[in-house]
Amino acid sequence: FPPLALKEIESGEALTREVTKGRIQLVVFVASWCIPCQQIIDDMERVHTKHKDKYTDLIYVFAHDTEKDALAFARYHKIEAKSYLGTAKVLEDFHQPELPSIYGSDRYGWLVYRKLSAKEQDVTELDTFLIKHSAF
């Protein structure tokens, strides 16, 4: 799973997030103007709430979005604490993912899950993935 070159959503400060070994990392590429992105946010949050105590982290990466719009969207959906602005580097590393796209690592840091152009029904599949990969 590649390191994530991101920017803080509120300050615009550059940072790099690495996968934490022993934890599953979910990265969801979204944009405020993307209708399918708007449709899956609530379901993604339900899945994250269900699995966050099972060594699972979720972050949202806003791609092709303005800082102002991304921040407003994140605040509206109460996800700003786990939202970041995508950089050209992260979009290049993930091959300009179609929105919304979900990527997941296993506990060893390997990219093991990818869903491009995710739909609401794909979140059920993600839930099944997390049940299998977060079990000890």
C-alpha atoms as a PDB file:
ATOM      1  CA  PHE A   1       0.000   0.000   0.000  1.00  0.00           C
ATOM      2  CA  PRO A   2       1.732   3.216  -1.058  1.00  0.00           C
ATOM      3  CA  PRO A   3       2.331   6.076   1.383  1.00  0.00           C
ATOM      4  CA  LEU A   4      -0.321   8.774   0.973  1.00  0.00           C
ATOM      5  CA  ALA A   5       0.896  12.263   0.029  1.00  0.00           C
ATOM      6  CA  LEU A   6      -1.906  14.473   1.342  1.00  0.00           C
ATOM      7  CA  LYS A   7      -2.755  17.946   2.614  1.00  0.00           C
ATOM      8  CA  GLU A   8      -4.591  18.784   5.821  1.00  0.00           C
ATOM      9  CA  ILE A   9      -8.136  19.765   4.878  1.00  0.00           C
ATOM     10  CA  GLU A  10      -8.241  22.863   7.089  1.00  0.00           C
ATOM     11  CA  SER A  11      -4.672  24.195   6.953  1.00  0.00           C
ATOM     12  CA  GLY A  12      -3.486  22.873   3.586  1.00  0.00           C
ATOM     13  CA  GLU A  13      -0.299  21.668   5.293  1.00  0.00           C
ATOM     14  CA  ALA A  14       1.423  18.804   3.432  1.00  0.00           C
ATOM     15  CA  LEU A  15       1.796  15.445   5.161  1.00  0.00           C
ATOM     16  CA  THR A  16       2.460  11.813   4.359  1.00  0.00           C
ATOM     17  CA  ARG A  17       0.396   9.013   5.881  1.00  0.00           C
ATOM     18  CA  GLU A  18       1.843   5.538   5.998  1.00  0.00           C
ATOM     19  CA  VAL A  19      -0.125   2.375   6.624  1.00  0.00           C
ATOM     20  CA  THR A  20       0.094   1.353  10.274  1.00  0.00           C
ATOM     21  CA  LYS A  21       1.079  -2.294  10.538  1.00  0.00           C
ATOM     22  CA  GLY A  22      -1.472  -4.262  12.523  1.00  0.00           C
ATOM     23  CA  ARG A  23      -4.344  -2.073  11.292  1.00  0.00           C
ATOM     24  CA  ILE A  24      -6.557  -2.203   8.229  1.00  0.00           C
ATOM     25  CA  GLN A  25      -6.518   1.065   6.336  1.00  0.00           C
ATOM     26  CA  LEU A  26      -9.424   2.120   4.134  1.00  0.00           C
ATOM     27  CA  VAL A  27      -8.896   5.023   1.767  1.00  0.00           C
ATOM     28  CA  VAL A  28     -11.949   6.440   0.027  1.00  0.00           C
ATOM     29  CA  PHE A  29     -11.430   8.879  -2.837  1.00  0.00           C
ATOM     30  CA  VAL A  30     -14.350  11.305  -3.033  1.00  0.00           C
ATOM     31  CA  ALA A  31     -15.311  14.784  -4.242  1.00  0.00           C
ATOM     32  CA  SER A  32     -17.977  17.155  -2.998  1.00  0.00           C
ATOM     33  CA  TRP A  33     -19.575  17.457  -6.445  1.00  0.00           C
ATOM     34  CA  CYS A  34     -19.696  13.692  -7.039  1.00  0.00           C
ATOM     35  CA  ILE A  35     -23.270  12.366  -6.645  1.00  0.00           C
ATOM     36  CA  PRO A  36     -22.253   8.720  -6.019  1.00  0.00           C
ATOM     37  CA  CYS A  37     -19.776   9.999  -3.391  1.00  0.00           C
ATOM     38  CA  GLN A  38     -22.588  11.823  -1.634  1.00  0.00           C
ATOM     39  CA  GLN A  39     -24.689   8.653  -1.725  1.00  0.00           C
ATOM     40  CA  ILE A  40     -22.130   6.332  -0.091  1.00  0.00           C
ATOM     41  CA  ILE A  41     -20.869   8.562   2.742  1.00  0.00           C
ATOM     42  CA  ASP A  42     -23.520   7.565   5.278  1.00  0.00           C
ATOM     43  CA  ASP A  43     -23.070   3.859   4.512  1.00  0.00           C
ATOM     44  CA  MET A  44     -19.275   4.199   4.743  1.00  0.00           C
ATOM     45  CA  GLU A  45     -19.640   5.839   8.140  1.00  0.00           C
ATOM     46  CA  ARG A  46     -21.904   3.031   9.368  1.00  0.00           C
ATOM     47  CA  VAL A  47     -19.353   0.424   8.275  1.00  0.00           C
ATOM     48  CA  HIS A  48     -16.519   2.386   9.877  1.00  0.00           C
ATOM     49  CA  THR A  49     -18.427   2.732  13.154  1.00  0.00           C
ATOM     50  CA  LYS A  50     -19.031  -1.022  13.135  1.00  0.00           C
ATOM     51  CA  HIS A  51     -15.345  -1.865  12.537  1.00  0.00           C
ATOM     52  CA  LYS A  52     -13.318   0.982  14.067  1.00  0.00           C
ATOM     53  CA  ASP A  53     -12.708  -0.983  17.277  1.00  0.00           C
ATOM     54  CA  LYS A  54     -11.404  -3.876  15.171  1.00  0.00           C
ATOM     55  CA  TYR A  55      -8.132  -2.227  14.109  1.00  0.00           C
ATOM     56  CA  THR A  56      -9.645  -0.412  11.142  1.00  0.00           C
ATOM     57  CA  ASP A  57      -8.871   3.160  10.059  1.00  0.00           C
ATOM     58  CA  LEU A  58     -10.812   5.093   7.431  1.00  0.00           C
ATOM     59  CA  ILE A  59      -9.729   8.246   5.668  1.00  0.00           C
ATOM     60  CA  TYR A  60     -11.330  10.253   2.910  1.00  0.00           C
ATOM     61  CA  VAL A  61      -9.194  11.814   0.193  1.00  0.00           C
ATOM     62  CA  PHE A  62     -10.830  14.630  -1.734  1.00  0.00           C
ATOM     63  CA  ALA A  63      -9.762  14.463  -5.368  1.00  0.00           C
ATOM     64  CA  HIS A  64     -10.354  17.118  -8.009  1.00  0.00           C
ATOM     65  CA  ASP A  65     -12.054  19.381  -5.473  1.00  0.00           C
ATOM     66  CA  THR A  66     -11.518  22.884  -4.142  1.00  0.00           C
ATOM     67  CA  GLU A  67     -10.356  23.267  -0.553  1.00  0.00           C
ATOM     68  CA  LYS A  68     -13.450  25.284   0.335  1.00  0.00           C
ATOM     69  CA  ASP A  69     -15.911  22.771  -1.151  1.00  0.00           C
ATOM     70  CA  ALA A  70     -14.094  19.758   0.329  1.00  0.00           C
ATOM     71  CA  LEU A  71     -14.084  21.306   3.799  1.00  0.00           C
ATOM     72  CA  ALA A  72     -17.776  22.257   3.591  1.00  0.00           C
ATOM     73  CA  PHE A  73     -18.685  18.717   2.466  1.00  0.00           C
ATOM     74  CA  ALA A  74     -16.566  17.150   5.230  1.00  0.00           C
ATOM     75  CA  ARG A  75     -18.111  19.393   7.885  1.00  0.00           C
ATOM     76  CA  TYR A  76     -21.643  18.734   6.657  1.00  0.00           C
ATOM     77  CA  HIS A  77     -21.083  14.963   6.904  1.00  0.00           C
ATOM     78  CA  LYS A  78     -19.037  15.298  10.122  1.00  0.00           C
ATOM     79  CA  ILE A  79     -15.995  13.556   8.610  1.00  0.00           C
ATOM     80  CA  GLU A  80     -13.485  16.416   8.687  1.00  0.00           C
ATOM     81  CA  ALA A  81     -11.298  14.716  11.324  1.00  0.00           C
ATOM     82  CA  LYS A  82     -10.509  11.928   8.858  1.00  0.00           C
ATOM     83  CA  SER A  83     -10.566  13.929   5.604  1.00  0.00           C
ATOM     84  CA  TYR A  84      -7.640  15.161   3.556  1.00  0.00           C
ATOM     85  CA  LEU A  85      -7.048  16.916   0.271  1.00  0.00           C
ATOM     86  CA  GLY A  86      -5.482  14.746  -2.395  1.00  0.00           C
ATOM     87  CA  THR A  87      -2.277  15.822  -4.071  1.00  0.00           C
ATOM     88  CA  ALA A  88      -1.125  15.166  -7.628  1.00  0.00           C
ATOM     89  CA  LYS A  89       1.239  12.543  -6.168  1.00  0.00           C
ATOM     90  CA  VAL A  90      -1.480  10.511  -4.403  1.00  0.00           C
ATOM     91  CA  LEU A  91      -3.705  10.663  -7.482  1.00  0.00           C
ATOM     92  CA  GLU A  92      -0.795   9.481  -9.612  1.00  0.00           C
ATOM     93  CA  ASP A  93       0.057   6.679  -7.159  1.00  0.00           C
ATOM     94  CA  PHE A  94      -3.537   5.425  -7.331  1.00  0.00           C
ATOM     95  CA  HIS A  95      -3.789   5.930 -11.134  1.00  0.00           C
ATOM     96  CA  GLN A  96      -6.389   8.718 -11.103  1.00  0.00           C
ATOM     97  CA  PRO A  97      -9.119   6.644  -9.437  1.00  0.00           C
ATOM     98  CA  GLU A  98     -12.695   6.929 -10.610  1.00  0.00           C
ATOM     99  CA  LEU A  99     -14.898   8.484  -7.942  1.00  0.00           C
ATOM    100  CA  PRO A 100     -15.799   7.216  -5.479  1.00  0.00           C
ATOM    101  CA  SER A 101     -13.117   4.567  -5.103  1.00  0.00           C
ATOM    102  CA  ILE A 102     -12.319   2.478  -2.046  1.00  0.00           C
ATOM    103  CA  TYR A 103      -8.894   0.975  -1.362  1.00  0.00           C
ATOM    104  CA  GLY A 104      -8.079  -1.256   1.586  1.00  0.00           C
ATOM    105  CA  SER A 105      -4.950  -2.683   3.117  1.00  0.00           C
ATOM    106  CA  ASP A 106      -4.621  -5.785   5.211  1.00  0.00           C
ATOM    107  CA  ARG A 107      -2.936  -5.719   8.638  1.00  0.00           C
ATOM    108  CA  TYR A 108       0.446  -6.310   6.972  1.00  0.00           C
ATOM    109  CA  GLY A 109       0.273  -3.223   4.783  1.00  0.00           C
ATOM    110  CA  TRP A 110      -0.610  -4.908   1.491  1.00  0.00           C
ATOM    111  CA  LEU A 111      -3.199  -3.472  -0.867  1.00  0.00           C
ATOM    112  CA  VAL A 112      -5.860  -6.190  -0.848  1.00  0.00           C
ATOM    113  CA  TYR A 113      -9.132  -4.441  -1.688  1.00  0.00           C
ATOM    114  CA  ARG A 114     -10.109  -2.071  -4.481  1.00  0.00           C
ATOM    115  CA  LYS A 115     -13.492  -0.945  -5.692  1.00  0.00           C
ATOM    116  CA  LEU A 116     -13.615   1.694  -8.423  1.00  0.00           C
ATOM    117  CA  SER A 117     -16.764   3.743  -9.034  1.00  0.00           C
ATOM    118  CA  ALA A 118     -18.215   2.339  -5.809  1.00  0.00           C
ATOM    119  CA  LYS A 119     -21.955   2.226  -5.331  1.00  0.00           C
ATOM    120  CA  GLU A 120     -24.064   1.946  -2.192  1.00  0.00           C
ATOM    121  CA  GLN A 121     -24.433  -1.836  -2.607  1.00  0.00           C
ATOM    122  CA  ASP A 122     -20.612  -2.188  -2.716  1.00  0.00           C
ATOM    123  CA  VAL A 123     -20.429  -1.127   0.918  1.00  0.00           C
ATOM    124  CA  THR A 124     -22.001  -4.480   1.874  1.00  0.00           C
ATOM    125  CA  GLU A 125     -19.112  -6.197   0.102  1.00  0.00           C
ATOM    126  CA  LEU A 126     -16.697  -3.969   2.017  1.00  0.00           C
ATOM    127  CA  ASP A 127     -18.355  -4.958   5.277  1.00  0.00           C
ATOM    128  CA  THR A 128     -17.818  -8.637   4.432  1.00  0.00           C
ATOM    129  CA  PHE A 129     -14.170  -7.908   3.577  1.00  0.00           C
ATOM    130  CA  LEU A 130     -13.669  -6.200   6.934  1.00  0.00           C
ATOM    131  CA  ILE A 131     -15.297  -9.045   8.850  1.00  0.00           C
ATOM    132  CA  LYS A 132     -12.821 -11.479   7.296  1.00  0.00           C
ATOM    133  CA  HIS A 133      -9.723  -9.280   7.574  1.00  0.00           C
ATOM    134  CA  SER A 134     -10.292  -7.882  11.043  1.00  0.00           C
ATOM    135  CA  ALA A 135     -10.900 -11.251  12.718  1.00  0.00           C
ATOM    136  CA  PHE A 136      -8.159 -12.509  15.003  1.00  0.00           C
END
